[in-house]
Amino acid sequence: MLTTMETIGDITITIGDDHVAVVENHRAPNNFFSLRMLHDIGKAFDCAADNGARSILFCAEGKNFCAGADFSPSGGRNQPDDPDLAGRHIYDEAVVLFSCPIPVVAAVQGAAVGGGLGLACMADFRFGTPNTRMTANFARLRVLRPFGLSHTLPEIVGKQRAQELLYTGRRITGEQAAEIGLLDYLVSDEDLRAEAHKLAAEIAISAPMAVRSIKQTLRGHLPKAIREITNHERAEQDRLQRTNDFKEGVKAMAERRDPNFTNS
């Protein structure tokens, strides 16, 4: 039986007798990408690792795992800055998440869009369903904000498939994602959370110090690599967000049509 251990913002952390921490995002239905959300997830991961968890099941309440940034008029881009996070940037939080010392298994339902796809690719393993939809839609917005996808996506699916996904902004289904290795496991909607939990529990049976050591050996390079690549992504993002094409990309997305870019 899982017992709620702590709540950080909209994120809950529960740790069971199997030593699996369930870290769940409760910004349903879309769990839009935001600085506050990422900061709280990072704190939750640290809390889980510091309180005896041996693995993490990372999941989200609602229709979508993370539907990317909210570009609606009332969305997060137009909200006042959070004074508690003054001086912090989304990419600072990326480094925190990639520094998690224990394995993370993500259960990805519905949409993982843009930065939401980057968040899914932060995990060591990804479970999805036929109804999972994944897209790196940055080129459709003329903005580069991939939360480290410039590094992680080629490692997961290979350089050619990563280029294809990033250049086109194509949306792929759960079946297509599984075929190219973007999803490690494809299961039914009903079994998604349970099947992801099974793998997290299997990992937790292993010797915890050995697992941490293996993760450090296999993925210990990621925090530094993510810092370097996101510094570049941030500079490009700031440049591209000042263009007319960025405004057109956002408008086209809101109107559910193809953008008409003018290279200006």
C-alpha atoms as a PDB file:
ATOM      1  CA  MET A   1       0.000   0.000   0.000  1.00  0.00           C
ATOM      2  CA  LEU A   2       1.390   3.396  -1.007  1.00  0.00           C
ATOM      3  CA  THR A   3       1.235   6.146   1.565  1.00  0.00           C
ATOM      4  CA  THR A   4       1.573   9.789   0.579  1.00  0.00           C
ATOM      5  CA  MET A   5       4.878  11.018   1.917  1.00  0.00           C
ATOM      6  CA  GLU A   6       4.990  14.582   0.683  1.00  0.00           C
ATOM      7  CA  THR A   7       3.454  17.073  -1.709  1.00  0.00           C
ATOM      8  CA  ILE A   8       5.540  19.688  -3.489  1.00  0.00           C
ATOM      9  CA  GLY A   9       3.301  22.128  -5.319  1.00  0.00           C
ATOM     10  CA  ASP A  10       1.194  20.010  -7.655  1.00  0.00           C
ATOM     11  CA  ILE A  11       3.561  17.043  -7.417  1.00  0.00           C
ATOM     12  CA  THR A  12       2.977  14.145  -5.028  1.00  0.00           C
ATOM     13  CA  ILE A  13       5.599  11.656  -3.879  1.00  0.00           C
ATOM     14  CA  THR A  14       4.606   8.269  -2.517  1.00  0.00           C
ATOM     15  CA  ILE A  15       6.962   5.456  -1.561  1.00  0.00           C
ATOM     16  CA  GLY A  16       5.778   1.889  -1.090  1.00  0.00           C
ATOM     17  CA  ASP A  17       7.204  -1.186   0.555  1.00  0.00           C
ATOM     18  CA  ASP A  18       8.712  -2.092  -2.825  1.00  0.00           C
ATOM     19  CA  HIS A  19      10.951   1.002  -2.575  1.00  0.00           C
ATOM     20  CA  VAL A  20       9.395   2.539  -5.682  1.00  0.00           C
ATOM     21  CA  ALA A  21       8.613   6.247  -5.455  1.00  0.00           C
ATOM     22  CA  VAL A  22       5.577   7.263  -7.475  1.00  0.00           C
ATOM     23  CA  VAL A  23       6.111  10.880  -8.490  1.00  0.00           C
ATOM     24  CA  GLU A  24       2.900  12.180 -10.039  1.00  0.00           C
ATOM     25  CA  ASN A  25       2.149  15.507 -11.690  1.00  0.00           C
ATOM     26  CA  HIS A  26      -1.346  16.803 -10.881  1.00  0.00           C
ATOM     27  CA  ARG A  27      -1.686  19.668 -13.357  1.00  0.00           C
ATOM     28  CA  ALA A  28      -4.410  17.874 -15.293  1.00  0.00           C
ATOM     29  CA  PRO A  29      -5.629  17.650 -17.928  1.00  0.00           C
ATOM     30  CA  ASN A  30      -2.589  18.782 -19.933  1.00  0.00           C
ATOM     31  CA  ASN A  31       0.247  19.177 -17.389  1.00  0.00           C
ATOM     32  CA  PHE A  32       1.618  22.074 -19.400  1.00  0.00           C
ATOM     33  CA  PHE A  33       5.369  22.655 -19.396  1.00  0.00           C
ATOM     34  CA  SER A  34       6.453  25.404 -16.998  1.00  0.00           C
ATOM     35  CA  LEU A  35       9.388  26.487 -14.877  1.00  0.00           C
ATOM     36  CA  ARG A  36       7.458  25.903 -11.644  1.00  0.00           C
ATOM     37  CA  MET A  37       6.380  22.410 -12.686  1.00  0.00           C
ATOM     38  CA  LEU A  38       9.917  21.382 -13.612  1.00  0.00           C
ATOM     39  CA  HIS A  39      11.343  22.855 -10.415  1.00  0.00           C
ATOM     40  CA  ASP A  40       8.827  20.949  -8.307  1.00  0.00           C
ATOM     41  CA  ILE A  41       9.484  17.689 -10.157  1.00  0.00           C
ATOM     42  CA  GLY A  42      13.204  18.112  -9.515  1.00  0.00           C
ATOM     43  CA  LYS A  43      12.544  18.658  -5.813  1.00  0.00           C
ATOM     44  CA  ALA A  44      10.312  15.575  -5.783  1.00  0.00           C
ATOM     45  CA  PHE A  45      13.016  13.440  -7.406  1.00  0.00           C
ATOM     46  CA  ASP A  46      15.537  14.630  -4.806  1.00  0.00           C
ATOM     47  CA  CYS A  47      13.052  13.921  -2.018  1.00  0.00           C
ATOM     48  CA  ALA A  48      12.450  10.383  -3.308  1.00  0.00           C
ATOM     49  CA  ALA A  49      16.155   9.606  -3.645  1.00  0.00           C
ATOM     50  CA  ASP A  50      16.907  11.027  -0.200  1.00  0.00           C
ATOM     51  CA  ASN A  51      14.161   9.017   1.504  1.00  0.00           C
ATOM     52  CA  GLY A  52      14.989   5.459   0.539  1.00  0.00           C
ATOM     53  CA  ALA A  53      13.445   5.115  -2.912  1.00  0.00           C
ATOM     54  CA  ARG A  54      15.432   2.867  -5.247  1.00  0.00           C
ATOM     55  CA  SER A  55      13.578   3.792  -8.423  1.00  0.00           C
ATOM     56  CA  ILE A  56      10.949   6.297  -9.544  1.00  0.00           C
ATOM     57  CA  LEU A  57       7.724   5.818 -11.454  1.00  0.00           C
ATOM     58  CA  PHE A  58       7.139   9.214 -13.058  1.00  0.00           C
ATOM     59  CA  CYS A  59       3.572   9.786 -14.207  1.00  0.00           C
ATOM     60  CA  ALA A  60       0.906  12.423 -14.661  1.00  0.00           C
ATOM     61  CA  GLU A  61      -2.769  12.766 -13.873  1.00  0.00           C
ATOM     62  CA  GLY A  62      -5.150  13.611 -16.688  1.00  0.00           C
ATOM     63  CA  LYS A  63      -5.433  13.286 -20.437  1.00  0.00           C
ATOM     64  CA  ASN A  64      -1.841  14.121 -21.372  1.00  0.00           C
ATOM     65  CA  PHE A  65       1.583  13.374 -19.920  1.00  0.00           C
ATOM     66  CA  CYS A  66       2.743  16.867 -20.870  1.00  0.00           C
ATOM     67  CA  ALA A  67       1.207  18.790 -23.772  1.00  0.00           C
ATOM     68  CA  GLY A  68       4.133  21.177 -24.046  1.00  0.00           C
ATOM     69  CA  ALA A  69       3.951  24.913 -23.438  1.00  0.00           C
ATOM     70  CA  ASP A  70       0.579  26.632 -23.066  1.00  0.00           C
ATOM     71  CA  PHE A  71       0.401  29.190 -25.886  1.00  0.00           C
ATOM     72  CA  SER A  72      -3.199  30.192 -25.191  1.00  0.00           C
ATOM     73  CA  PRO A  73      -3.918  33.832 -24.199  1.00  0.00           C
ATOM     74  CA  SER A  74      -4.297  32.757 -20.576  1.00  0.00           C
ATOM     75  CA  GLY A  75      -1.369  30.355 -20.706  1.00  0.00           C
ATOM     76  CA  GLY A  76       1.807  30.187 -18.694  1.00  0.00           C
ATOM     77  CA  ARG A  77       3.842  32.327 -21.103  1.00  0.00           C
ATOM     78  CA  ASN A  78       1.715  35.334 -20.118  1.00  0.00           C
ATOM     79  CA  GLN A  79       1.714  34.744 -16.378  1.00  0.00           C
ATOM     80  CA  PRO A  80       3.809  36.902 -14.036  1.00  0.00           C
ATOM     81  CA  ASP A  81       7.215  35.590 -13.070  1.00  0.00           C
ATOM     82  CA  ASP A  82       7.363  33.408  -9.978  1.00  0.00           C
ATOM     83  CA  PRO A  83       9.354  35.438  -7.413  1.00  0.00           C
ATOM     84  CA  ASP A  84      10.465  32.232  -5.682  1.00  0.00           C
ATOM     85  CA  LEU A  85      12.254  31.165  -8.873  1.00  0.00           C
ATOM     86  CA  ALA A  86      13.893  34.486  -9.727  1.00  0.00           C
ATOM     87  CA  GLY A  87      17.074  33.879 -11.671  1.00  0.00           C
ATOM     88  CA  ARG A  88      16.165  30.278 -12.491  1.00  0.00           C
ATOM     89  CA  HIS A  89      15.624  29.064 -16.044  1.00  0.00           C
ATOM     90  CA  ILE A  90      13.901  26.003 -17.457  1.00  0.00           C
ATOM     91  CA  TYR A  91      17.295  24.682 -18.481  1.00  0.00           C
ATOM     92  CA  ASP A  92      18.606  24.934 -14.911  1.00  0.00           C
ATOM     93  CA  GLU A  93      15.814  22.563 -13.943  1.00  0.00           C
ATOM     94  CA  ALA A  94      16.764  20.229 -16.803  1.00  0.00           C
ATOM     95  CA  VAL A  95      20.193  19.718 -15.272  1.00  0.00           C
ATOM     96  CA  VAL A  96      18.590  18.930 -11.895  1.00  0.00           C
ATOM     97  CA  LEU A  97      16.300  16.298 -13.406  1.00  0.00           C
ATOM     98  CA  PHE A  98      19.067  14.652 -15.416  1.00  0.00           C
ATOM     99  CA  SER A  99      21.140  14.487 -12.205  1.00  0.00           C
ATOM    100  CA  CYS A 100      18.645  12.177 -10.467  1.00  0.00           C
ATOM    101  CA  PRO A 101      20.792   9.342  -9.026  1.00  0.00           C
ATOM    102  CA  ILE A 102      18.148   6.595  -9.247  1.00  0.00           C
ATOM    103  CA  PRO A 103      16.431   5.161 -12.353  1.00  0.00           C
ATOM    104  CA  VAL A 104      13.275   6.862 -13.607  1.00  0.00           C
ATOM    105  CA  VAL A 105      10.521   5.003 -15.475  1.00  0.00           C
ATOM    106  CA  ALA A 106       8.016   7.285 -17.234  1.00  0.00           C
ATOM    107  CA  ALA A 107       4.414   6.325 -17.972  1.00  0.00           C
ATOM    108  CA  VAL A 108       3.499   8.462 -20.982  1.00  0.00           C
ATOM    109  CA  GLN A 109      -0.218   8.743 -21.724  1.00  0.00           C
ATOM    110  CA  GLY A 110      -1.719  11.001 -24.352  1.00  0.00           C
ATOM    111  CA  ALA A 111       0.483  13.794 -25.633  1.00  0.00           C
ATOM    112  CA  ALA A 112       4.179  14.367 -24.995  1.00  0.00           C
ATOM    113  CA  VAL A 113       4.718  17.540 -26.989  1.00  0.00           C
ATOM    114  CA  GLY A 114       7.787  19.733 -27.376  1.00  0.00           C
ATOM    115  CA  GLY A 115       9.348  20.190 -23.980  1.00  0.00           C
ATOM    116  CA  GLY A 116       7.017  17.454 -22.758  1.00  0.00           C
ATOM    117  CA  LEU A 117       8.786  15.052 -25.089  1.00  0.00           C
ATOM    118  CA  GLY A 118      12.083  16.304 -23.667  1.00  0.00           C
ATOM    119  CA  LEU A 119      10.750  15.563 -20.195  1.00  0.00           C
ATOM    120  CA  ALA A 120       9.831  12.007 -21.244  1.00  0.00           C
ATOM    121  CA  CYS A 121      13.293  11.510 -22.735  1.00  0.00           C
ATOM    122  CA  MET A 122      14.854  12.515 -19.421  1.00  0.00           C
ATOM    123  CA  ALA A 123      13.630   9.180 -18.008  1.00  0.00           C
ATOM    124  CA  ASP A 124      15.678   5.994 -18.211  1.00  0.00           C
ATOM    125  CA  PHE A 125      12.693   4.103 -19.652  1.00  0.00           C
ATOM    126  CA  ARG A 126       9.413   5.102 -21.306  1.00  0.00           C
ATOM    127  CA  PHE A 127       6.121   3.202 -21.386  1.00  0.00           C
ATOM    128  CA  GLY A 128       3.344   4.304 -23.713  1.00  0.00           C
ATOM    129  CA  THR A 129       0.138   3.135 -25.356  1.00  0.00           C
ATOM    130  CA  PRO A 130      -1.295   3.170 -28.884  1.00  0.00           C
ATOM    131  CA  ASN A 131      -2.924   6.481 -27.903  1.00  0.00           C
ATOM    132  CA  THR A 132       0.376   8.092 -26.923  1.00  0.00           C
ATOM    133  CA  ARG A 133       1.337  10.938 -29.264  1.00  0.00           C
ATOM    134  CA  MET A 134       4.854  12.341 -29.383  1.00  0.00           C
ATOM    135  CA  THR A 135       6.176  15.325 -31.281  1.00  0.00           C
ATOM    136  CA  ALA A 136       9.207  17.602 -31.264  1.00  0.00           C
ATOM    137  CA  ASN A 137       7.283  20.511 -32.774  1.00  0.00           C
ATOM    138  CA  PHE A 138       9.868  23.269 -32.360  1.00  0.00           C
ATOM    139  CA  ALA A 139      10.473  23.847 -36.071  1.00  0.00           C
ATOM    140  CA  ARG A 140       6.724  24.410 -36.517  1.00  0.00           C
ATOM    141  CA  LEU A 141       6.982  27.266 -34.014  1.00  0.00           C
ATOM    142  CA  ARG A 142      10.320  28.590 -35.238  1.00  0.00           C
ATOM    143  CA  VAL A 143      11.652  28.227 -31.736  1.00  0.00           C
ATOM    144  CA  LEU A 144      14.256  25.957 -30.187  1.00  0.00           C
ATOM    145  CA  ARG A 145      13.281  24.843 -26.691  1.00  0.00           C
ATOM    146  CA  PRO A 146      13.840  21.127 -26.673  1.00  0.00           C
ATOM    147  CA  PHE A 147      14.844  20.597 -23.029  1.00  0.00           C
ATOM    148  CA  GLY A 148      17.999  18.789 -24.076  1.00  0.00           C
ATOM    149  CA  LEU A 149      16.395  16.823 -26.929  1.00  0.00           C
ATOM    150  CA  SER A 150      19.246  17.936 -29.177  1.00  0.00           C
ATOM    151  CA  HIS A 151      21.344  15.519 -27.110  1.00  0.00           C
ATOM    152  CA  THR A 152      18.932  12.891 -25.789  1.00  0.00           C
ATOM    153  CA  LEU A 153      16.869  12.190 -28.905  1.00  0.00           C
ATOM    154  CA  PRO A 154      19.825  11.065 -31.079  1.00  0.00           C
ATOM    155  CA  GLU A 155      21.007   8.836 -28.218  1.00  0.00           C
ATOM    156  CA  ILE A 156      17.593   7.175 -28.019  1.00  0.00           C
ATOM    157  CA  VAL A 157      16.494   6.825 -31.656  1.00  0.00           C
ATOM    158  CA  GLY A 158      19.699   7.513 -33.605  1.00  0.00           C
ATOM    159  CA  LYS A 159      20.835  10.622 -35.418  1.00  0.00           C
ATOM    160  CA  GLN A 160      18.806  10.098 -38.607  1.00  0.00           C
ATOM    161  CA  ARG A 161      15.463   9.556 -36.892  1.00  0.00           C
ATOM    162  CA  ALA A 162      16.171  12.433 -34.487  1.00  0.00           C
ATOM    163  CA  GLN A 163      16.890  14.769 -37.397  1.00  0.00           C
ATOM    164  CA  GLU A 164      13.679  13.698 -39.102  1.00  0.00           C
ATOM    165  CA  LEU A 165      11.567  14.322 -36.011  1.00  0.00           C
ATOM    166  CA  LEU A 166      13.195  17.670 -35.224  1.00  0.00           C
ATOM    167  CA  TYR A 167      13.253  19.023 -38.795  1.00  0.00           C
ATOM    168  CA  THR A 168       9.648  18.119 -39.588  1.00  0.00           C
ATOM    169  CA  GLY A 169       7.948  18.498 -36.216  1.00  0.00           C
ATOM    170  CA  ARG A 170       6.028  15.363 -37.191  1.00  0.00           C
ATOM    171  CA  ARG A 171       3.625  13.855 -34.658  1.00  0.00           C
ATOM    172  CA  ILE A 172       3.995  10.114 -34.243  1.00  0.00           C
ATOM    173  CA  THR A 173       1.751   7.526 -32.616  1.00  0.00           C
ATOM    174  CA  GLY A 174       2.624   5.187 -29.806  1.00  0.00           C
ATOM    175  CA  GLU A 175       3.142   2.337 -32.256  1.00  0.00           C
ATOM    176  CA  GLN A 176       5.515   4.434 -34.373  1.00  0.00           C
ATOM    177  CA  ALA A 177       7.382   5.604 -31.284  1.00  0.00           C
ATOM    178  CA  ALA A 178       7.850   2.006 -30.161  1.00  0.00           C
ATOM    179  CA  GLU A 179       9.079   0.970 -33.615  1.00  0.00           C
ATOM    180  CA  ILE A 180      11.940   3.484 -33.523  1.00  0.00           C
ATOM    181  CA  GLY A 181      12.743   2.932 -29.844  1.00  0.00           C
ATOM    182  CA  LEU A 182      11.373   6.217 -28.535  1.00  0.00           C
ATOM    183  CA  LEU A 183       9.067   4.123 -26.365  1.00  0.00           C
ATOM    184  CA  ASP A 184      10.654   1.113 -24.693  1.00  0.00           C
ATOM    185  CA  TYR A 185       7.332  -0.627 -24.018  1.00  0.00           C
ATOM    186  CA  LEU A 186       3.924  -0.367 -25.685  1.00  0.00           C
ATOM    187  CA  VAL A 187       1.012  -1.493 -23.497  1.00  0.00           C
ATOM    188  CA  SER A 188      -2.709  -0.909 -23.231  1.00  0.00           C
ATOM    189  CA  ASP A 189      -4.118   2.285 -21.742  1.00  0.00           C
ATOM    190  CA  GLU A 190      -5.545   0.282 -18.856  1.00  0.00           C
ATOM    191  CA  ASP A 191      -2.211  -1.367 -18.047  1.00  0.00           C
ATOM    192  CA  LEU A 192       0.095   1.628 -18.522  1.00  0.00           C
ATOM    193  CA  ARG A 193       0.645   2.618 -14.915  1.00  0.00           C
ATOM    194  CA  ALA A 194       0.772  -0.962 -13.618  1.00  0.00           C
ATOM    195  CA  GLU A 195       3.244  -2.164 -16.247  1.00  0.00           C
ATOM    196  CA  ALA A 196       5.541   0.811 -15.709  1.00  0.00           C
ATOM    197  CA  HIS A 197       5.387   0.178 -11.977  1.00  0.00           C
ATOM    198  CA  LYS A 198       6.395  -3.452 -12.522  1.00  0.00           C
ATOM    199  CA  LEU A 199       9.646  -2.438 -14.193  1.00  0.00           C
ATOM    200  CA  ALA A 200      10.367   0.155 -11.514  1.00  0.00           C
ATOM    201  CA  ALA A 201       9.776  -2.513  -8.845  1.00  0.00           C
ATOM    202  CA  GLU A 202      12.024  -4.995 -10.665  1.00  0.00           C
ATOM    203  CA  ILE A 203      14.787  -2.392 -10.694  1.00  0.00           C
ATOM    204  CA  ALA A 204      14.216  -1.707  -6.992  1.00  0.00           C
ATOM    205  CA  ILE A 205      14.890  -5.378  -6.134  1.00  0.00           C
ATOM    206  CA  SER A 206      18.501  -4.981  -7.287  1.00  0.00           C
ATOM    207  CA  ALA A 207      21.233  -3.816  -4.922  1.00  0.00           C
ATOM    208  CA  PRO A 208      20.619  -0.063  -4.600  1.00  0.00           C
ATOM    209  CA  MET A 209      24.266   1.003  -4.465  1.00  0.00           C
ATOM    210  CA  ALA A 210      25.031  -1.105  -7.528  1.00  0.00           C
ATOM    211  CA  VAL A 211      22.113   0.391  -9.446  1.00  0.00           C
ATOM    212  CA  ARG A 212      23.197   3.923  -8.578  1.00  0.00           C
ATOM    213  CA  SER A 213      26.725   3.087  -9.668  1.00  0.00           C
ATOM    214  CA  ILE A 214      25.502   1.633 -12.961  1.00  0.00           C
ATOM    215  CA  LYS A 215      23.350   4.686 -13.646  1.00  0.00           C
ATOM    216  CA  GLN A 216      26.288   6.955 -12.906  1.00  0.00           C
ATOM    217  CA  THR A 217      28.449   4.924 -15.283  1.00  0.00           C
ATOM    218  CA  LEU A 218      25.884   4.896 -18.096  1.00  0.00           C
ATOM    219  CA  ARG A 219      24.307   8.341 -17.687  1.00  0.00           C
ATOM    220  CA  GLY A 220      26.638  10.297 -15.443  1.00  0.00           C
ATOM    221  CA  HIS A 221      27.789  12.338 -18.434  1.00  0.00           C
ATOM    222  CA  LEU A 222      24.290  13.694 -19.050  1.00  0.00           C
ATOM    223  CA  PRO A 223      24.121  16.634 -16.595  1.00  0.00           C
ATOM    224  CA  LYS A 224      27.249  18.221 -18.097  1.00  0.00           C
ATOM    225  CA  ALA A 225      26.144  17.419 -21.647  1.00  0.00           C
ATOM    226  CA  ILE A 226      22.651  18.794 -20.993  1.00  0.00           C
ATOM    227  CA  ARG A 227      24.127  21.980 -19.500  1.00  0.00           C
ATOM    228  CA  GLU A 228      26.274  22.506 -22.585  1.00  0.00           C
ATOM    229  CA  ILE A 229      23.550  21.763 -25.134  1.00  0.00           C
ATOM    230  CA  THR A 230      20.886  23.777 -23.316  1.00  0.00           C
ATOM    231  CA  ASN A 231      23.174  26.801 -23.144  1.00  0.00           C
ATOM    232  CA  HIS A 232      23.195  26.696 -26.941  1.00  0.00           C
ATOM    233  CA  GLU A 233      19.457  25.969 -27.121  1.00  0.00           C
ATOM    234  CA  ARG A 234      18.736  28.909 -24.830  1.00  0.00           C
ATOM    235  CA  ALA A 235      20.717  31.362 -26.963  1.00  0.00           C
ATOM    236  CA  GLU A 236      18.970  30.160 -30.105  1.00  0.00           C
ATOM    237  CA  GLN A 237      15.581  30.235 -28.403  1.00  0.00           C
ATOM    238  CA  ASP A 238      16.046  33.847 -27.319  1.00  0.00           C
ATOM    239  CA  ARG A 239      17.023  34.829 -30.866  1.00  0.00           C
ATOM    240  CA  LEU A 240      14.188  32.985 -32.586  1.00  0.00           C
ATOM    241  CA  GLN A 241      11.472  34.186 -30.212  1.00  0.00           C
ATOM    242  CA  ARG A 242      12.038  37.749 -31.453  1.00  0.00           C
ATOM    243  CA  THR A 243      11.082  36.843 -35.034  1.00  0.00           C
ATOM    244  CA  ASN A 244       7.819  37.259 -36.934  1.00  0.00           C
ATOM    245  CA  ASP A 245       7.931  33.572 -37.808  1.00  0.00           C
ATOM    246  CA  PHE A 246       7.703  32.672 -34.118  1.00  0.00           C
ATOM    247  CA  LYS A 247       4.507  34.726 -33.810  1.00  0.00           C
ATOM    248  CA  GLU A 248       3.154  33.024 -36.924  1.00  0.00           C
ATOM    249  CA  GLY A 249       4.044  29.590 -35.578  1.00  0.00           C
ATOM    250  CA  VAL A 250       2.185  30.207 -32.324  1.00  0.00           C
ATOM    251  CA  LYS A 251      -0.827  31.636 -34.184  1.00  0.00           C
ATOM    252  CA  ALA A 252      -0.932  28.726 -36.606  1.00  0.00           C
ATOM    253  CA  MET A 253      -0.809  26.227 -33.764  1.00  0.00           C
ATOM    254  CA  ALA A 254      -3.694  27.973 -31.986  1.00  0.00           C
ATOM    255  CA  GLU A 255      -5.687  27.967 -35.242  1.00  0.00           C
ATOM    256  CA  ARG A 256      -4.749  24.335 -35.992  1.00  0.00           C
ATOM    257  CA  ARG A 257      -3.336  25.073 -39.452  1.00  0.00           C
ATOM    258  CA  ASP A 258       0.016  24.859 -41.218  1.00  0.00           C
ATOM    259  CA  PRO A 259       2.176  27.917 -40.571  1.00  0.00           C
ATOM    260  CA  ASN A 260       3.038  30.377 -43.338  1.00  0.00           C
ATOM    261  CA  PHE A 261       6.638  31.244 -42.549  1.00  0.00           C
ATOM    262  CA  THR A 262       8.323  34.230 -44.260  1.00  0.00           C
ATOM    263  CA  ASN A 263      11.834  33.762 -42.887  1.00  0.00           C
ATOM    264  CA  SER A 264      11.641  37.024 -40.988  1.00  0.00           C
END
